[in-house]
Amino acid sequence: MRDLHKKQNYGFTPLRLCGKFFALACLLFCVIFISSCRIENPPTQNDTNLREISDDLGRKIKIPVKIERAVSLAPNLTESIFAVGAGERLVGVTSFCNYPDEAAKIQKVGDTISPNMETIIALKPNIVFVSTASQIETFTKTLENQNIAVYVTNPKNLDGVLSNLKQLGDIFGTSAQTEKLIDELQKRIANVENKAKGKNQTKVFVQISKEPLFTIGKESFLTEIIERAGGVSVTKNVETAYPKLSKETALALNPEAIILSDSEDNTEPNEVFKTSAAMRNGRVYKINADLISRPAPRIVDALEQIARDLHSENFE
């Protein structure tokens, strides 16, 4: 019986059992110790190279500290990015981006409304700039899922244009050059306002297109430009930015000056204005359509031209 009892121990003597329990306890201790030393949510390398900014819609977005590759989905943004000294970092622009001349050499990614997402993603930009005129809702999520930041601009007036330039300078790290640009633009703006100050405000109609008859309304940044130039838009209280007018409404406006957004189908005033004070006195002016349609640095060129047209006696 004693021999049988020895065989049924299967070799697990008390000493061996203690040794195995001791080894198991040591292993468990090591696991607990290593786990306690683990850093919770360690910062990644990408996190340390990102910074947070806010766009014009108040959206918080994270962008690289240094922007190397950017895409612009609006002509005014392309102009502004070149103006702040970062044009060489644009790797994609729209087919409408035609200024400055260097923009023609940059990869085209479609138009403003329906850009080609596959092309944009293939360009691997750090950031994509869009205006609120673009249909951003349809592609913002797609880009952000690719870790591509989307920055939205929405300048509503001349000060908003200058503010956007400052932000672009901060984003691209060209603040010194941008400050000089803004200072120069502010001086030119002040010069126009000083010369137009105290003058009778000329009643102005801005004709965006002849047929159908489109003009500017209370939400257009051009309404403020006209006022700074010494005029007043006769449609400043019309809702929306670019309203369509009926002939009956336009006939009652009787503007003293008409400004045409110069294009092939908008070379003369609508016939409804043939008896207006503007037509009787030959006060019809043309201005480059790009200048007055893009909230970018060249809007100051438009301001100066409009002021000279309205008050030529003060602008030799």
C-alpha atoms as a PDB file:
ATOM      1  CA  MET A   1       0.000   0.000   0.000  1.00  0.00           C
ATOM      2  CA  ARG A   2       2.835   2.381   0.801  1.00  0.00           C
ATOM      3  CA  ASP A   3       4.289   1.688  -2.657  1.00  0.00           C
ATOM      4  CA  LEU A   4       0.920   2.380  -4.277  1.00  0.00           C
ATOM      5  CA  HIS A   5       0.555   5.615  -2.346  1.00  0.00           C
ATOM      6  CA  LYS A   6       3.958   6.768  -3.573  1.00  0.00           C
ATOM      7  CA  LYS A   7       2.986   6.082  -7.197  1.00  0.00           C
ATOM      8  CA  GLN A   8      -0.260   8.095  -6.868  1.00  0.00           C
ATOM      9  CA  ASN A   9       1.687  11.246  -5.949  1.00  0.00           C
ATOM     10  CA  TYR A  10       2.679  11.457  -9.649  1.00  0.00           C
ATOM     11  CA  GLY A  11       5.930  13.071  -8.628  1.00  0.00           C
ATOM     12  CA  PHE A  12       4.281  16.223  -6.976  1.00  0.00           C
ATOM     13  CA  THR A  13       6.015  16.319  -3.644  1.00  0.00           C
ATOM     14  CA  PRO A  14       5.262  19.193  -1.248  1.00  0.00           C
ATOM     15  CA  LEU A  15       8.649  20.736  -2.019  1.00  0.00           C
ATOM     16  CA  ARG A  16       8.048  20.728  -5.737  1.00  0.00           C
ATOM     17  CA  LEU A  17       4.581  22.209  -5.279  1.00  0.00           C
ATOM     18  CA  CYS A  18       6.016  25.094  -3.250  1.00  0.00           C
ATOM     19  CA  GLY A  19       8.583  25.774  -5.952  1.00  0.00           C
ATOM     20  CA  LYS A  20       5.957  25.976  -8.670  1.00  0.00           C
ATOM     21  CA  PHE A  21       3.718  28.283  -6.608  1.00  0.00           C
ATOM     22  CA  PHE A  22       6.693  30.539  -5.933  1.00  0.00           C
ATOM     23  CA  ALA A  23       7.536  30.798  -9.651  1.00  0.00           C
ATOM     24  CA  LEU A  24       3.908  31.590 -10.485  1.00  0.00           C
ATOM     25  CA  ALA A  25       3.794  34.302  -7.830  1.00  0.00           C
ATOM     26  CA  CYS A  26       6.980  35.880  -9.206  1.00  0.00           C
ATOM     27  CA  LEU A  27       5.538  35.903 -12.711  1.00  0.00           C
ATOM     28  CA  LEU A  28       2.322  37.545 -11.516  1.00  0.00           C
ATOM     29  CA  PHE A  29       4.294  40.197  -9.626  1.00  0.00           C
ATOM     30  CA  CYS A  30       6.321  41.051 -12.748  1.00  0.00           C
ATOM     31  CA  VAL A  31       3.159  41.467 -14.841  1.00  0.00           C
ATOM     32  CA  ILE A  32       1.609  43.793 -12.252  1.00  0.00           C
ATOM     33  CA  PHE A  33       4.822  45.820 -11.905  1.00  0.00           C
ATOM     34  CA  ILE A  34       5.257  46.295 -15.667  1.00  0.00           C
ATOM     35  CA  SER A  35       1.606  47.296 -16.059  1.00  0.00           C
ATOM     36  CA  SER A  36       1.912  49.911 -13.311  1.00  0.00           C
ATOM     37  CA  CYS A  37       4.906  51.450 -15.112  1.00  0.00           C
ATOM     38  CA  ARG A  38       3.090  51.820 -18.446  1.00  0.00           C
ATOM     39  CA  ILE A  39       2.395  55.435 -19.537  1.00  0.00           C
ATOM     40  CA  GLU A  40      -1.271  56.090 -20.132  1.00  0.00           C
ATOM     41  CA  ASN A  41      -2.087  57.576 -23.586  1.00  0.00           C
ATOM     42  CA  PRO A  42       1.502  58.381 -24.610  1.00  0.00           C
ATOM     43  CA  PRO A  43       1.743  61.387 -26.941  1.00  0.00           C
ATOM     44  CA  THR A  44       2.366  60.425 -30.535  1.00  0.00           C
ATOM     45  CA  GLN A  45       4.905  62.118 -32.724  1.00  0.00           C
ATOM     46  CA  ASN A  46       2.107  63.609 -34.822  1.00  0.00           C
ATOM     47  CA  ASP A  47       0.487  65.212 -31.776  1.00  0.00           C
ATOM     48  CA  THR A  48       3.651  67.121 -30.949  1.00  0.00           C
ATOM     49  CA  ASN A  49       3.809  68.524 -34.490  1.00  0.00           C
ATOM     50  CA  LEU A  50       0.238  69.833 -34.523  1.00  0.00           C
ATOM     51  CA  ARG A  51      -1.338  73.076 -33.385  1.00  0.00           C
ATOM     52  CA  GLU A  52      -4.955  74.125 -33.073  1.00  0.00           C
ATOM     53  CA  ILE A  53      -6.477  77.112 -34.878  1.00  0.00           C
ATOM     54  CA  SER A  54      -9.993  78.416 -35.553  1.00  0.00           C
ATOM     55  CA  ASP A  55     -11.371  79.205 -38.994  1.00  0.00           C
ATOM     56  CA  ASP A  56     -13.969  81.832 -39.937  1.00  0.00           C
ATOM     57  CA  LEU A  57     -16.816  79.494 -39.022  1.00  0.00           C
ATOM     58  CA  GLY A  58     -15.400  79.048 -35.518  1.00  0.00           C
ATOM     59  CA  ARG A  59     -14.384  75.449 -36.243  1.00  0.00           C
ATOM     60  CA  LYS A  60     -11.409  74.169 -34.238  1.00  0.00           C
ATOM     61  CA  ILE A  61      -8.977  72.359 -36.512  1.00  0.00           C
ATOM     62  CA  LYS A  62      -5.521  70.895 -36.004  1.00  0.00           C
ATOM     63  CA  ILE A  63      -2.808  71.649 -38.533  1.00  0.00           C
ATOM     64  CA  PRO A  64       0.919  70.873 -38.735  1.00  0.00           C
ATOM     65  CA  VAL A  65       3.216  73.431 -37.150  1.00  0.00           C
ATOM     66  CA  LYS A  66       4.835  73.821 -40.563  1.00  0.00           C
ATOM     67  CA  ILE A  67       2.643  73.684 -43.651  1.00  0.00           C
ATOM     68  CA  GLU A  68       4.506  72.199 -46.613  1.00  0.00           C
ATOM     69  CA  ARG A  69       1.677  71.324 -48.993  1.00  0.00           C
ATOM     70  CA  ALA A  70      -1.641  73.149 -49.430  1.00  0.00           C
ATOM     71  CA  VAL A  71      -4.618  73.128 -51.803  1.00  0.00           C
ATOM     72  CA  SER A  72      -6.784  76.173 -52.549  1.00  0.00           C
ATOM     73  CA  LEU A  73     -10.366  75.702 -53.703  1.00  0.00           C
ATOM     74  CA  ALA A  74     -11.167  79.345 -54.427  1.00  0.00           C
ATOM     75  CA  PRO A  75      -9.488  81.981 -56.642  1.00  0.00           C
ATOM     76  CA  ASN A  76      -9.474  84.612 -53.888  1.00  0.00           C
ATOM     77  CA  LEU A  77      -7.665  82.201 -51.567  1.00  0.00           C
ATOM     78  CA  THR A  78      -5.063  81.404 -54.214  1.00  0.00           C
ATOM     79  CA  GLU A  79      -4.412  85.133 -54.673  1.00  0.00           C
ATOM     80  CA  SER A  80      -4.170  85.666 -50.930  1.00  0.00           C
ATOM     81  CA  ILE A  81      -1.795  82.751 -50.368  1.00  0.00           C
ATOM     82  CA  PHE A  82       0.537  84.078 -53.045  1.00  0.00           C
ATOM     83  CA  ALA A  83       0.243  87.572 -51.552  1.00  0.00           C
ATOM     84  CA  VAL A  84       1.465  86.398 -48.128  1.00  0.00           C
ATOM     85  CA  GLY A  85       4.473  84.703 -49.711  1.00  0.00           C
ATOM     86  CA  ALA A  86       3.376  81.068 -49.621  1.00  0.00           C
ATOM     87  CA  GLY A  87       2.465  80.439 -53.246  1.00  0.00           C
ATOM     88  CA  GLU A  88       5.233  77.886 -53.725  1.00  0.00           C
ATOM     89  CA  ARG A  89       3.522  75.634 -51.163  1.00  0.00           C
ATOM     90  CA  LEU A  90       0.354  75.335 -53.219  1.00  0.00           C
ATOM     91  CA  VAL A  91       0.214  71.913 -54.848  1.00  0.00           C
ATOM     92  CA  GLY A  92      -3.367  72.178 -56.108  1.00  0.00           C
ATOM     93  CA  VAL A  93      -5.764  74.950 -57.209  1.00  0.00           C
ATOM     94  CA  THR A  94      -9.060  75.207 -59.088  1.00  0.00           C
ATOM     95  CA  SER A  95      -9.480  75.714 -62.816  1.00  0.00           C
ATOM     96  CA  PHE A  96     -10.690  79.260 -62.034  1.00  0.00           C
ATOM     97  CA  CYS A  97      -7.484  80.252 -60.236  1.00  0.00           C
ATOM     98  CA  ASN A  98      -5.833  82.484 -62.856  1.00  0.00           C
ATOM     99  CA  TYR A  99      -3.953  85.034 -60.749  1.00  0.00           C
ATOM    100  CA  PRO A 100      -1.075  85.493 -60.361  1.00  0.00           C
ATOM    101  CA  ASP A 101       0.418  83.968 -63.523  1.00  0.00           C
ATOM    102  CA  GLU A 102       2.275  81.358 -61.453  1.00  0.00           C
ATOM    103  CA  ALA A 103      -1.076  79.797 -60.528  1.00  0.00           C
ATOM    104  CA  ALA A 104      -1.361  78.435 -64.074  1.00  0.00           C
ATOM    105  CA  LYS A 105       1.566  76.077 -63.397  1.00  0.00           C
ATOM    106  CA  ILE A 106      -0.087  74.417 -60.402  1.00  0.00           C
ATOM    107  CA  GLN A 107      -1.995  71.116 -60.608  1.00  0.00           C
ATOM    108  CA  LYS A 108      -5.725  71.696 -61.230  1.00  0.00           C
ATOM    109  CA  VAL A 109      -8.164  69.840 -58.980  1.00  0.00           C
ATOM    110  CA  GLY A 110     -11.442  70.745 -60.685  1.00  0.00           C
ATOM    111  CA  ASP A 111     -13.690  73.724 -60.079  1.00  0.00           C
ATOM    112  CA  THR A 112     -14.739  75.420 -56.850  1.00  0.00           C
ATOM    113  CA  ILE A 113     -18.114  73.722 -56.521  1.00  0.00           C
ATOM    114  CA  SER A 114     -17.162  70.131 -57.354  1.00  0.00           C
ATOM    115  CA  PRO A 115     -13.427  69.527 -56.899  1.00  0.00           C
ATOM    116  CA  ASN A 116     -11.955  66.099 -57.609  1.00  0.00           C
ATOM    117  CA  MET A 117     -11.469  64.436 -54.233  1.00  0.00           C
ATOM    118  CA  GLU A 118      -9.239  61.672 -55.557  1.00  0.00           C
ATOM    119  CA  THR A 119      -6.866  64.218 -57.080  1.00  0.00           C
ATOM    120  CA  ILE A 120      -6.753  66.255 -53.880  1.00  0.00           C
ATOM    121  CA  ILE A 121      -6.038  63.230 -51.685  1.00  0.00           C
ATOM    122  CA  ALA A 122      -3.342  62.029 -54.096  1.00  0.00           C
ATOM    123  CA  LEU A 123      -1.564  65.388 -53.719  1.00  0.00           C
ATOM    124  CA  LYS A 124      -1.229  64.696 -49.959  1.00  0.00           C
ATOM    125  CA  PRO A 125      -1.816  68.270 -48.723  1.00  0.00           C
ATOM    126  CA  ASN A 126      -1.488  69.218 -45.068  1.00  0.00           C
ATOM    127  CA  ILE A 127      -4.424  71.592 -45.422  1.00  0.00           C
ATOM    128  CA  VAL A 128      -7.166  72.509 -47.896  1.00  0.00           C
ATOM    129  CA  PHE A 129      -8.516  76.073 -48.012  1.00  0.00           C
ATOM    130  CA  VAL A 130     -12.126  76.653 -49.036  1.00  0.00           C
ATOM    131  CA  SER A 131     -14.580  79.545 -49.097  1.00  0.00           C
ATOM    132  CA  THR A 132     -18.166  79.324 -47.911  1.00  0.00           C
ATOM    133  CA  ALA A 133     -19.231  79.692 -51.527  1.00  0.00           C
ATOM    134  CA  SER A 134     -17.987  76.149 -52.031  1.00  0.00           C
ATOM    135  CA  GLN A 135     -20.098  73.098 -51.280  1.00  0.00           C
ATOM    136  CA  ILE A 136     -17.819  72.148 -48.385  1.00  0.00           C
ATOM    137  CA  GLU A 137     -20.326  69.898 -46.639  1.00  0.00           C
ATOM    138  CA  THR A 138     -19.988  67.257 -49.352  1.00  0.00           C
ATOM    139  CA  PHE A 139     -16.249  66.748 -49.032  1.00  0.00           C
ATOM    140  CA  THR A 140     -14.998  68.110 -45.702  1.00  0.00           C
ATOM    141  CA  LYS A 141     -15.582  64.802 -43.924  1.00  0.00           C
ATOM    142  CA  THR A 142     -13.819  62.873 -46.693  1.00  0.00           C
ATOM    143  CA  LEU A 143     -10.707  65.027 -46.369  1.00  0.00           C
ATOM    144  CA  GLU A 144     -10.674  65.013 -42.581  1.00  0.00           C
ATOM    145  CA  ASN A 145     -10.887  61.200 -42.629  1.00  0.00           C
ATOM    146  CA  GLN A 146      -7.607  61.346 -44.560  1.00  0.00           C
ATOM    147  CA  ASN A 147      -6.078  63.570 -41.830  1.00  0.00           C
ATOM    148  CA  ILE A 148      -6.270  66.578 -44.161  1.00  0.00           C
ATOM    149  CA  ALA A 149      -7.316  69.759 -42.361  1.00  0.00           C
ATOM    150  CA  VAL A 150     -10.025  71.910 -43.962  1.00  0.00           C
ATOM    151  CA  TYR A 151      -9.865  75.667 -43.307  1.00  0.00           C
ATOM    152  CA  VAL A 152     -12.924  77.769 -44.167  1.00  0.00           C
ATOM    153  CA  THR A 153     -12.776  81.508 -44.883  1.00  0.00           C
ATOM    154  CA  ASN A 154     -15.768  83.833 -44.855  1.00  0.00           C
ATOM    155  CA  PRO A 155     -14.692  87.491 -45.229  1.00  0.00           C
ATOM    156  CA  LYS A 156     -17.802  89.674 -45.110  1.00  0.00           C
ATOM    157  CA  ASN A 157     -16.075  93.034 -45.538  1.00  0.00           C
ATOM    158  CA  LEU A 158     -12.730  94.709 -46.168  1.00  0.00           C
ATOM    159  CA  ASP A 159     -11.586  94.212 -42.581  1.00  0.00           C
ATOM    160  CA  GLY A 160     -12.414  90.528 -42.972  1.00  0.00           C
ATOM    161  CA  VAL A 161     -10.112  90.321 -46.001  1.00  0.00           C
ATOM    162  CA  LEU A 162      -7.256  91.834 -43.989  1.00  0.00           C
ATOM    163  CA  SER A 163      -7.996  89.495 -41.084  1.00  0.00           C
ATOM    164  CA  ASN A 164      -7.833  86.491 -43.427  1.00  0.00           C
ATOM    165  CA  LEU A 165      -4.452  87.655 -44.729  1.00  0.00           C
ATOM    166  CA  LYS A 166      -3.128  87.854 -41.174  1.00  0.00           C
ATOM    167  CA  GLN A 167      -4.366  84.337 -40.408  1.00  0.00           C
ATOM    168  CA  LEU A 168      -2.798  82.979 -43.591  1.00  0.00           C
ATOM    169  CA  GLY A 169       0.495  84.579 -42.592  1.00  0.00           C
ATOM    170  CA  ASP A 170       0.269  82.840 -39.220  1.00  0.00           C
ATOM    171  CA  ILE A 171      -0.608  79.500 -40.801  1.00  0.00           C
ATOM    172  CA  PHE A 172       2.273  79.564 -43.288  1.00  0.00           C
ATOM    173  CA  GLY A 173       4.789  81.213 -40.969  1.00  0.00           C
ATOM    174  CA  THR A 174       5.155  84.333 -43.143  1.00  0.00           C
ATOM    175  CA  SER A 175       3.881  86.853 -40.592  1.00  0.00           C
ATOM    176  CA  ALA A 176       6.645  89.414 -41.194  1.00  0.00           C
ATOM    177  CA  GLN A 177       5.912  89.669 -44.913  1.00  0.00           C
ATOM    178  CA  THR A 178       2.175  89.607 -44.278  1.00  0.00           C
ATOM    179  CA  GLU A 179       2.352  92.483 -41.786  1.00  0.00           C
ATOM    180  CA  LYS A 180       4.097  94.641 -44.402  1.00  0.00           C
ATOM    181  CA  LEU A 181       1.406  93.745 -46.939  1.00  0.00           C
ATOM    182  CA  ILE A 182      -1.428  94.584 -44.553  1.00  0.00           C
ATOM    183  CA  ASP A 183       0.231  97.860 -43.544  1.00  0.00           C
ATOM    184  CA  GLU A 184       0.510  98.890 -47.196  1.00  0.00           C
ATOM    185  CA  LEU A 185      -3.114  97.958 -47.914  1.00  0.00           C
ATOM    186  CA  GLN A 186      -4.342  99.881 -44.854  1.00  0.00           C
ATOM    187  CA  LYS A 187      -2.501 102.998 -45.998  1.00  0.00           C
ATOM    188  CA  ARG A 188      -4.083 102.791 -49.445  1.00  0.00           C
ATOM    189  CA  ILE A 189      -7.528 102.288 -47.907  1.00  0.00           C
ATOM    190  CA  ALA A 190      -7.042 105.279 -45.600  1.00  0.00           C
ATOM    191  CA  ASN A 191      -5.939 107.417 -48.549  1.00  0.00           C
ATOM    192  CA  VAL A 192      -9.147 106.631 -50.440  1.00  0.00           C
ATOM    193  CA  GLU A 193     -11.356 107.283 -47.423  1.00  0.00           C
ATOM    194  CA  ASN A 194      -9.660 110.616 -46.671  1.00  0.00           C
ATOM    195  CA  LYS A 195     -10.171 111.840 -50.233  1.00  0.00           C
ATOM    196  CA  ALA A 196     -13.770 110.646 -50.375  1.00  0.00           C
ATOM    197  CA  LYS A 197     -14.642 111.984 -46.931  1.00  0.00           C
ATOM    198  CA  GLY A 198     -17.189 114.762 -46.886  1.00  0.00           C
ATOM    199  CA  LYS A 199     -18.209 114.269 -50.503  1.00  0.00           C
ATOM    200  CA  ASN A 200     -21.791 113.755 -51.561  1.00  0.00           C
ATOM    201  CA  GLN A 201     -22.395 110.052 -51.792  1.00  0.00           C
ATOM    202  CA  THR A 202     -23.045 109.092 -55.395  1.00  0.00           C
ATOM    203  CA  LYS A 203     -25.974 106.716 -55.857  1.00  0.00           C
ATOM    204  CA  VAL A 204     -24.461 103.650 -57.502  1.00  0.00           C
ATOM    205  CA  PHE A 205     -25.898 100.599 -59.188  1.00  0.00           C
ATOM    206  CA  VAL A 206     -23.540  97.642 -59.631  1.00  0.00           C
ATOM    207  CA  GLN A 207     -24.599  95.460 -62.557  1.00  0.00           C
ATOM    208  CA  ILE A 208     -23.228  91.944 -62.207  1.00  0.00           C
ATOM    209  CA  SER A 209     -25.056  90.674 -65.299  1.00  0.00           C
ATOM    210  CA  LYS A 210     -27.330  92.328 -67.860  1.00  0.00           C
ATOM    211  CA  GLU A 211     -29.764  89.484 -68.580  1.00  0.00           C
ATOM    212  CA  PRO A 212     -30.985  88.349 -66.158  1.00  0.00           C
ATOM    213  CA  LEU A 213     -30.333  91.484 -64.118  1.00  0.00           C
ATOM    214  CA  PHE A 214     -28.195  90.645 -61.103  1.00  0.00           C
ATOM    215  CA  THR A 215     -26.705  93.159 -58.688  1.00  0.00           C
ATOM    216  CA  ILE A 216     -25.261  93.339 -55.161  1.00  0.00           C
ATOM    217  CA  GLY A 217     -27.286  93.262 -51.957  1.00  0.00           C
ATOM    218  CA  LYS A 218     -26.813  93.941 -48.249  1.00  0.00           C
ATOM    219  CA  GLU A 219     -24.748  90.785 -47.680  1.00  0.00           C
ATOM    220  CA  SER A 220     -22.181  91.521 -50.403  1.00  0.00           C
ATOM    221  CA  PHE A 221     -18.769  92.871 -49.359  1.00  0.00           C
ATOM    222  CA  LEU A 222     -19.021  95.186 -52.395  1.00  0.00           C
ATOM    223  CA  THR A 223     -21.753  97.204 -50.672  1.00  0.00           C
ATOM    224  CA  GLU A 224     -19.168  98.333 -48.114  1.00  0.00           C
ATOM    225  CA  ILE A 225     -16.543  98.929 -50.811  1.00  0.00           C
ATOM    226  CA  ILE A 226     -18.904 101.331 -52.593  1.00  0.00           C
ATOM    227  CA  GLU A 227     -19.447 103.269 -49.355  1.00  0.00           C
ATOM    228  CA  ARG A 228     -15.736 103.515 -48.588  1.00  0.00           C
ATOM    229  CA  ALA A 229     -15.216 104.851 -52.114  1.00  0.00           C
ATOM    230  CA  GLY A 230     -17.655 107.699 -51.521  1.00  0.00           C
ATOM    231  CA  GLY A 231     -20.823 106.180 -52.923  1.00  0.00           C
ATOM    232  CA  VAL A 232     -23.909 104.396 -51.758  1.00  0.00           C
ATOM    233  CA  SER A 233     -25.371 101.304 -53.377  1.00  0.00           C
ATOM    234  CA  VAL A 234     -28.987 101.823 -54.367  1.00  0.00           C
ATOM    235  CA  THR A 235     -29.582  98.147 -53.581  1.00  0.00           C
ATOM    236  CA  LYS A 236     -27.845  98.097 -50.199  1.00  0.00           C
ATOM    237  CA  ASN A 237     -31.047  97.058 -48.410  1.00  0.00           C
ATOM    238  CA  VAL A 238     -31.947  94.235 -50.774  1.00  0.00           C
ATOM    239  CA  GLU A 239     -31.694  90.828 -49.130  1.00  0.00           C
ATOM    240  CA  THR A 240     -28.914  88.332 -49.989  1.00  0.00           C
ATOM    241  CA  ALA A 241     -25.526  89.062 -51.507  1.00  0.00           C
ATOM    242  CA  TYR A 242     -26.301  88.935 -55.235  1.00  0.00           C
ATOM    243  CA  PRO A 243     -30.045  89.350 -55.825  1.00  0.00           C
ATOM    244  CA  LYS A 244     -31.872  89.138 -59.131  1.00  0.00           C
ATOM    245  CA  LEU A 245     -33.996  92.235 -59.800  1.00  0.00           C
ATOM    246  CA  SER A 246     -37.202  92.649 -61.739  1.00  0.00           C
ATOM    247  CA  LYS A 247     -37.362  95.371 -64.394  1.00  0.00           C
ATOM    248  CA  GLU A 248     -40.001  97.201 -62.351  1.00  0.00           C
ATOM    249  CA  THR A 249     -37.790  97.294 -59.267  1.00  0.00           C
ATOM    250  CA  ALA A 250     -34.730  98.409 -61.232  1.00  0.00           C
ATOM    251  CA  LEU A 251     -36.627 101.191 -63.027  1.00  0.00           C
ATOM    252  CA  ALA A 252     -37.394 102.942 -59.738  1.00  0.00           C
ATOM    253  CA  LEU A 253     -33.745 103.028 -58.619  1.00  0.00           C
ATOM    254  CA  ASN A 254     -32.546 105.812 -60.953  1.00  0.00           C
ATOM    255  CA  PRO A 255     -28.803 105.530 -60.126  1.00  0.00           C
ATOM    256  CA  GLU A 256     -26.377 108.414 -60.667  1.00  0.00           C
ATOM    257  CA  ALA A 257     -23.595 106.013 -61.672  1.00  0.00           C
ATOM    258  CA  ILE A 258     -23.557 102.459 -62.986  1.00  0.00           C
ATOM    259  CA  ILE A 259     -20.629 100.097 -62.491  1.00  0.00           C
ATOM    260  CA  LEU A 260     -20.459  97.119 -64.842  1.00  0.00           C
ATOM    261  CA  SER A 261     -18.696  93.918 -63.874  1.00  0.00           C
ATOM    262  CA  ASP A 262     -16.781  93.652 -67.134  1.00  0.00           C
ATOM    263  CA  SER A 263     -17.508  90.450 -69.041  1.00  0.00           C
ATOM    264  CA  GLU A 264     -18.537  89.455 -72.563  1.00  0.00           C
ATOM    265  CA  ASP A 265     -22.249  89.379 -71.717  1.00  0.00           C
ATOM    266  CA  ASN A 266     -22.220  92.501 -69.546  1.00  0.00           C
ATOM    267  CA  THR A 267     -20.785  95.261 -71.712  1.00  0.00           C
ATOM    268  CA  GLU A 268     -23.601  97.793 -71.320  1.00  0.00           C
ATOM    269  CA  PRO A 269     -26.334  98.698 -68.830  1.00  0.00           C
ATOM    270  CA  ASN A 270     -29.664  96.938 -68.956  1.00  0.00           C
ATOM    271  CA  GLU A 271     -32.168  98.820 -71.130  1.00  0.00           C
ATOM    272  CA  VAL A 272     -34.239  99.615 -68.041  1.00  0.00           C
ATOM    273  CA  PHE A 273     -31.626 102.252 -67.132  1.00  0.00           C
ATOM    274  CA  LYS A 274     -31.725 104.111 -70.484  1.00  0.00           C
ATOM    275  CA  THR A 275     -33.423 107.148 -68.928  1.00  0.00           C
ATOM    276  CA  SER A 276     -31.487 107.081 -65.652  1.00  0.00           C
ATOM    277  CA  ALA A 277     -29.290 109.948 -64.436  1.00  0.00           C
ATOM    278  CA  ALA A 278     -26.264 107.716 -64.932  1.00  0.00           C
ATOM    279  CA  MET A 279     -26.991 107.261 -68.647  1.00  0.00           C
ATOM    280  CA  ARG A 280     -27.919 110.909 -69.212  1.00  0.00           C
ATOM    281  CA  ASN A 281     -24.631 112.076 -67.680  1.00  0.00           C
ATOM    282  CA  GLY A 282     -22.448 109.383 -69.197  1.00  0.00           C
ATOM    283  CA  ARG A 283     -21.498 107.935 -65.842  1.00  0.00           C
ATOM    284  CA  VAL A 284     -21.142 104.277 -66.766  1.00  0.00           C
ATOM    285  CA  TYR A 285     -17.935 102.573 -65.661  1.00  0.00           C
ATOM    286  CA  LYS A 286     -16.437  99.154 -66.235  1.00  0.00           C
ATOM    287  CA  ILE A 287     -14.270  97.249 -63.821  1.00  0.00           C
ATOM    288  CA  ASN A 288     -12.526  93.889 -64.085  1.00  0.00           C
ATOM    289  CA  ALA A 289     -14.929  91.193 -62.937  1.00  0.00           C
ATOM    290  CA  ASP A 290     -12.225  89.360 -60.996  1.00  0.00           C
ATOM    291  CA  LEU A 291     -11.350  92.479 -58.981  1.00  0.00           C
ATOM    292  CA  ILE A 292     -14.850  92.949 -57.620  1.00  0.00           C
ATOM    293  CA  SER A 293     -15.758  89.281 -57.207  1.00  0.00           C
ATOM    294  CA  ARG A 294     -12.777  88.105 -55.153  1.00  0.00           C
ATOM    295  CA  PRO A 295     -12.302  89.159 -51.511  1.00  0.00           C
ATOM    296  CA  ALA A 296      -8.507  89.230 -51.776  1.00  0.00           C
ATOM    297  CA  PRO A 297      -5.768  91.927 -51.721  1.00  0.00           C
ATOM    298  CA  ARG A 298      -6.742  93.206 -55.188  1.00  0.00           C
ATOM    299  CA  ILE A 299     -10.092  94.332 -53.774  1.00  0.00           C
ATOM    300  CA  VAL A 300      -8.156  97.445 -52.724  1.00  0.00           C
ATOM    301  CA  ASP A 301      -7.387  98.015 -56.424  1.00  0.00           C
ATOM    302  CA  ALA A 302     -11.145  97.911 -57.010  1.00  0.00           C
ATOM    303  CA  LEU A 303     -11.723 100.356 -54.151  1.00  0.00           C
ATOM    304  CA  GLU A 304      -9.266 102.843 -55.661  1.00  0.00           C
ATOM    305  CA  GLN A 305     -10.716 102.532 -59.157  1.00  0.00           C
ATOM    306  CA  ILE A 306     -14.302 102.996 -57.969  1.00  0.00           C
ATOM    307  CA  ALA A 307     -13.290 106.033 -55.896  1.00  0.00           C
ATOM    308  CA  ARG A 308     -11.557 107.607 -58.920  1.00  0.00           C
ATOM    309  CA  ASP A 309     -14.649 106.988 -61.062  1.00  0.00           C
ATOM    310  CA  LEU A 310     -17.039 108.475 -58.522  1.00  0.00           C
ATOM    311  CA  HIS A 311     -14.845 111.419 -57.441  1.00  0.00           C
ATOM    312  CA  SER A 312     -12.325 111.974 -60.224  1.00  0.00           C
ATOM    313  CA  GLU A 313     -11.696 115.550 -59.055  1.00  0.00           C
ATOM    314  CA  ASN A 314      -9.932 114.202 -55.974  1.00  0.00           C
ATOM    315  CA  PHE A 315      -7.883 111.505 -57.664  1.00  0.00           C
ATOM    316  CA  GLU A 316      -5.391 112.938 -60.125  1.00  0.00           C
END
